[in-house]
């Protein structure tokens, strides 16, 4: 008889409400963490001159990054061989 009462919703309503509340709170927490005010793209760009001066003050050498090549060179070594074709 208890199973039929549960199926009618008398005893299943409370756990369902708790599960729904947990799901809603979890979704709200996710949205706050993911899209909160502290998660803004590039809010402030660093001052390059100040960064360079600080690096040079401690003795670091500041050099520009090498640009990537538009076309990659062919690798050294033999070319890969095609697998043999097995005839039936």
N, C-alpha and C. Protein backbone atom coordinates (compact mmCIF):
# COMPACT_ATOMS: atom_id res chain seq x y z
N UNK A 1 0.81 -1.19 0.00
CA UNK A 1 0.00 0.00 0.00
C UNK A 1 0.86 1.27 0.00
N UNK A 2 2.03 1.18 0.63
CA UNK A 2 2.89 2.36 0.69
C UNK A 2 3.39 2.76 -0.71
N UNK A 3 3.65 1.79 -1.53
CA UNK A 3 4.13 2.09 -2.87
C UNK A 3 3.09 2.88 -3.66
N UNK A 4 1.84 2.52 -3.51
CA UNK A 4 0.79 3.24 -4.23
C UNK A 4 0.66 4.68 -3.71
N UNK A 5 0.85 4.87 -2.41
CA UNK A 5 0.80 6.22 -1.86
C UNK A 5 1.96 7.07 -2.38
N UNK A 6 3.12 6.44 -2.51
CA UNK A 6 4.28 7.16 -3.05
C UNK A 6 4.03 7.54 -4.51
N UNK A 7 3.43 6.64 -5.23
CA UNK A 7 3.19 6.90 -6.64
C UNK A 7 2.15 8.00 -6.84
N UNK A 8 1.26 8.17 -5.90
CA UNK A 8 0.26 9.23 -6.00
C UNK A 8 0.87 10.60 -5.75
N UNK A 9 2.03 10.65 -5.16
CA UNK A 9 2.69 11.93 -4.96
C UNK A 9 2.66 12.44 -3.54
N UNK A 10 2.14 11.69 -2.63
CA UNK A 10 2.06 12.15 -1.25
C UNK A 10 3.43 12.16 -0.59
N UNK A 11 4.22 11.12 -0.80
CA UNK A 11 5.53 11.04 -0.17
C UNK A 11 6.66 11.40 -1.12
N UNK A 12 6.41 11.45 -2.38
CA UNK A 12 7.47 11.74 -3.34
C UNK A 12 7.61 13.24 -3.60
N UNK A 13 6.66 14.02 -3.17
CA UNK A 13 6.70 15.45 -3.41
C UNK A 13 7.84 16.17 -2.72
N UNK A 14 8.14 15.80 -1.49
CA UNK A 14 9.20 16.48 -0.75
C UNK A 14 10.59 16.21 -1.34
N UNK A 15 10.98 14.96 -1.61
CA UNK A 15 12.29 14.74 -2.25
C UNK A 15 12.40 15.39 -3.62
N UNK A 16 11.29 15.42 -4.35
CA UNK A 16 11.30 16.06 -5.66
C UNK A 16 11.53 17.56 -5.52
N UNK A 17 10.90 18.18 -4.52
CA UNK A 17 11.09 19.61 -4.29
C UNK A 17 12.53 19.91 -3.86
N UNK A 18 13.12 19.05 -3.05
CA UNK A 18 14.51 19.24 -2.61
C UNK A 18 15.45 19.11 -3.81
N UNK A 19 15.24 18.10 -4.63
CA UNK A 19 16.09 17.91 -5.82
C UNK A 19 15.96 19.09 -6.78
N UNK A 20 14.76 19.60 -6.95
CA UNK A 20 14.56 20.76 -7.84
C UNK A 20 15.26 22.00 -7.26
N UNK A 21 15.18 22.19 -5.95
CA UNK A 21 15.84 23.33 -5.32
C UNK A 21 17.35 23.24 -5.47
N UNK A 22 17.91 22.06 -5.28
CA UNK A 22 19.36 21.86 -5.45
C UNK A 22 19.76 22.14 -6.89
N UNK A 23 18.97 21.68 -7.85
CA UNK A 23 19.29 21.91 -9.26
C UNK A 23 19.24 23.39 -9.60
N UNK A 24 18.25 24.09 -9.11
CA UNK A 24 18.12 25.52 -9.39
C UNK A 24 19.26 26.31 -8.76
N UNK A 25 19.59 25.98 -7.50
CA UNK A 25 20.71 26.67 -6.83
C UNK A 25 22.04 26.37 -7.52
N UNK A 26 22.23 25.15 -7.98
CA UNK A 26 23.46 24.80 -8.69
C UNK A 26 23.57 25.56 -10.00
N UNK A 27 22.48 25.66 -10.74
CA UNK A 27 22.50 26.40 -12.00
C UNK A 27 22.76 27.88 -11.75
N UNK A 28 22.16 28.43 -10.70
CA UNK A 28 22.40 29.84 -10.38
C UNK A 28 23.84 30.08 -9.97
N UNK A 29 24.41 29.17 -9.18
CA UNK A 29 25.82 29.30 -8.77
C UNK A 29 26.74 29.21 -9.99
N UNK A 30 26.43 28.32 -10.91
CA UNK A 30 27.23 28.21 -12.12
C UNK A 30 27.20 29.50 -12.93
N UNK A 31 26.03 30.07 -13.09
CA UNK A 31 25.91 31.30 -13.86
C UNK A 31 26.65 32.46 -13.20
N UNK A 32 26.61 32.53 -11.87
CA UNK A 32 27.33 33.59 -11.17
C UNK A 32 28.82 33.43 -11.34
N UNK A 33 29.32 32.20 -11.20
CA UNK A 33 30.76 31.96 -11.34
C UNK A 33 31.21 32.18 -12.78
N UNK A 34 30.45 31.71 -13.73
CA UNK A 34 30.86 31.79 -15.13
C UNK A 34 30.74 33.19 -15.71
N UNK A 35 29.70 33.91 -15.37
CA UNK A 35 29.45 35.20 -15.99
C UNK A 35 29.43 36.35 -14.99
N UNK A 36 30.12 36.19 -13.87
CA UNK A 36 30.13 37.22 -12.83
C UNK A 36 30.89 38.46 -13.26
N UNK A 37 30.80 39.52 -12.47
CA UNK A 37 31.44 40.78 -12.84
C UNK A 37 32.97 40.71 -12.85
N UNK A 38 33.57 39.76 -12.18
CA UNK A 38 35.02 39.64 -12.16
C UNK A 38 35.55 38.89 -13.36
N UNK A 39 34.69 38.35 -14.18
CA UNK A 39 35.10 37.55 -15.32
C UNK A 39 34.94 38.34 -16.62
N UNK A 40 35.42 39.55 -16.65
CA UNK A 40 35.33 40.38 -17.85
C UNK A 40 36.59 40.19 -18.70
N UNK A 41 36.39 40.16 -20.00
CA UNK A 41 37.49 39.98 -20.92
C UNK A 41 38.36 41.24 -20.98
N UNK A 42 39.61 41.08 -20.73
CA UNK A 42 40.60 42.16 -20.87
C UNK A 42 40.13 43.45 -20.23
N UNK A 43 39.86 43.41 -18.96
CA UNK A 43 39.38 44.59 -18.26
C UNK A 43 40.44 45.70 -18.26
N UNK A 44 41.68 45.31 -18.19
CA UNK A 44 42.75 46.30 -18.11
C UNK A 44 43.99 45.73 -18.78
N UNK A 45 44.57 46.44 -19.72
CA UNK A 45 45.79 46.00 -20.38
C UNK A 45 47.00 46.43 -19.54
N UNK A 46 47.98 45.57 -19.41
CA UNK A 46 49.17 45.94 -18.63
C UNK A 46 49.98 47.01 -19.37
N UNK A 47 50.66 47.84 -18.60
CA UNK A 47 51.51 48.88 -19.16
C UNK A 47 52.83 48.23 -19.59
N UNK A 48 53.08 48.19 -20.88
CA UNK A 48 54.27 47.51 -21.40
C UNK A 48 55.56 48.17 -20.95
N UNK A 49 55.57 49.49 -20.87
CA UNK A 49 56.78 50.19 -20.45
C UNK A 49 57.11 49.87 -19.00
N UNK A 50 56.10 49.82 -18.16
CA UNK A 50 56.33 49.51 -16.75
C UNK A 50 56.79 48.06 -16.59
N UNK A 51 56.22 47.17 -17.38
CA UNK A 51 56.63 45.77 -17.31
C UNK A 51 58.08 45.61 -17.77
N UNK A 52 58.44 46.29 -18.84
CA UNK A 52 59.81 46.22 -19.35
C UNK A 52 60.78 46.81 -18.34
N UNK A 53 60.42 47.93 -17.73
CA UNK A 53 61.29 48.56 -16.73
C UNK A 53 61.47 47.66 -15.52
N UNK A 54 60.40 47.01 -15.08
CA UNK A 54 60.51 46.12 -13.93
C UNK A 54 61.37 44.91 -14.25
N UNK A 55 61.24 44.38 -15.46
CA UNK A 55 62.06 43.23 -15.85
C UNK A 55 63.53 43.61 -15.94
N UNK A 56 63.81 44.76 -16.51
CA UNK A 56 65.20 45.20 -16.63
C UNK A 56 65.80 45.57 -15.27
N UNK A 57 64.97 45.99 -14.34
CA UNK A 57 65.47 46.36 -13.01
C UNK A 57 66.02 45.15 -12.27
N UNK A 58 65.50 43.98 -12.55
CA UNK A 58 66.00 42.77 -11.89
C UNK A 58 67.00 42.02 -12.75
N UNK A 59 67.37 42.60 -13.88
CA UNK A 59 68.42 42.02 -14.71
C UNK A 59 67.94 41.10 -15.81
N UNK A 60 66.66 41.09 -16.12
CA UNK A 60 66.15 40.24 -17.19
C UNK A 60 66.38 40.91 -18.53
N UNK A 61 66.59 40.09 -19.56
CA UNK A 61 66.76 40.59 -20.91
C UNK A 61 65.41 40.51 -21.62
N UNK A 62 64.93 41.64 -22.13
CA UNK A 62 63.63 41.69 -22.79
C UNK A 62 63.85 41.65 -24.29
N UNK A 63 63.34 40.59 -24.93
CA UNK A 63 63.46 40.45 -26.38
C UNK A 63 62.08 40.18 -26.96
N UNK A 64 61.82 40.67 -28.17
CA UNK A 64 60.51 40.40 -28.78
C UNK A 64 60.38 38.94 -29.19
N UNK A 65 59.17 38.48 -29.26
CA UNK A 65 58.88 37.10 -29.65
C UNK A 65 59.04 36.97 -31.16
N UNK A 66 59.61 35.84 -31.59
CA UNK A 66 59.76 35.59 -33.02
C UNK A 66 58.37 35.36 -33.63
N UNK A 67 58.08 36.02 -34.76
CA UNK A 67 56.78 35.78 -35.39
C UNK A 67 56.71 34.37 -35.98
N UNK A 68 55.51 33.80 -36.02
CA UNK A 68 55.34 32.46 -36.61
C UNK A 68 55.49 32.56 -38.12
N UNK A 69 56.04 31.54 -38.71
CA UNK A 69 56.19 31.49 -40.15
C UNK A 69 54.84 31.25 -40.81
N UNK A 70 54.64 31.87 -41.95
CA UNK A 70 53.39 31.68 -42.69
C UNK A 70 53.31 30.27 -43.25
N UNK A 71 54.43 29.75 -43.74
CA UNK A 71 54.49 28.41 -44.29
C UNK A 71 55.53 27.64 -43.49
N UNK A 72 55.14 26.52 -42.96
CA UNK A 72 56.06 25.71 -42.17
C UNK A 72 57.04 25.00 -43.11
N UNK A 73 58.31 24.91 -42.74
CA UNK A 73 59.27 24.20 -43.58
C UNK A 73 59.01 22.69 -43.57
N UNK A 74 59.49 22.02 -44.62
CA UNK A 74 59.33 20.56 -44.67
C UNK A 74 60.27 19.95 -43.64
N UNK A 75 59.82 18.94 -42.93
CA UNK A 75 60.67 18.33 -41.90
C UNK A 75 61.84 17.58 -42.53
N UNK A 76 62.95 17.58 -41.83
CA UNK A 76 64.13 16.87 -42.32
C UNK A 76 63.92 15.37 -42.15
N UNK A 77 64.54 14.61 -43.00
CA UNK A 77 64.44 13.16 -42.90
C UNK A 77 63.67 12.58 -44.06
N UNK A 78 63.59 11.25 -44.10
CA UNK A 78 62.90 10.59 -45.22
C UNK A 78 61.39 10.81 -45.15
N UNK A 79 60.78 10.73 -46.32
CA UNK A 79 59.33 10.87 -46.40
C UNK A 79 58.68 9.57 -45.91
N UNK A 80 57.48 9.66 -45.33
CA UNK A 80 56.82 8.43 -44.88
C UNK A 80 56.46 7.54 -46.07
N UNK A 81 56.55 6.25 -45.85
CA UNK A 81 56.26 5.28 -46.91
C UNK A 81 54.80 4.85 -46.80
N UNK A 82 54.17 4.64 -47.96
CA UNK A 82 52.80 4.16 -47.95
C UNK A 82 52.80 2.67 -47.59
N UNK A 83 51.76 2.22 -46.87
CA UNK A 83 51.71 0.79 -46.52
C UNK A 83 51.53 -0.06 -47.77
N UNK A 84 52.03 -1.26 -47.73
CA UNK A 84 51.92 -2.12 -48.91
C UNK A 84 50.47 -2.51 -49.17
N UNK A 85 50.15 -2.65 -50.45
CA UNK A 85 48.80 -3.07 -50.84
C UNK A 85 48.82 -4.57 -50.98
N UNK A 86 47.95 -5.24 -50.24
CA UNK A 86 47.90 -6.70 -50.26
C UNK A 86 46.86 -7.11 -51.30
N UNK A 87 47.30 -7.88 -52.28
CA UNK A 87 46.39 -8.37 -53.32
C UNK A 87 45.78 -9.68 -52.89
N UNK A 88 44.52 -9.89 -53.20
CA UNK A 88 43.86 -11.14 -52.82
C UNK A 88 44.11 -12.21 -53.82
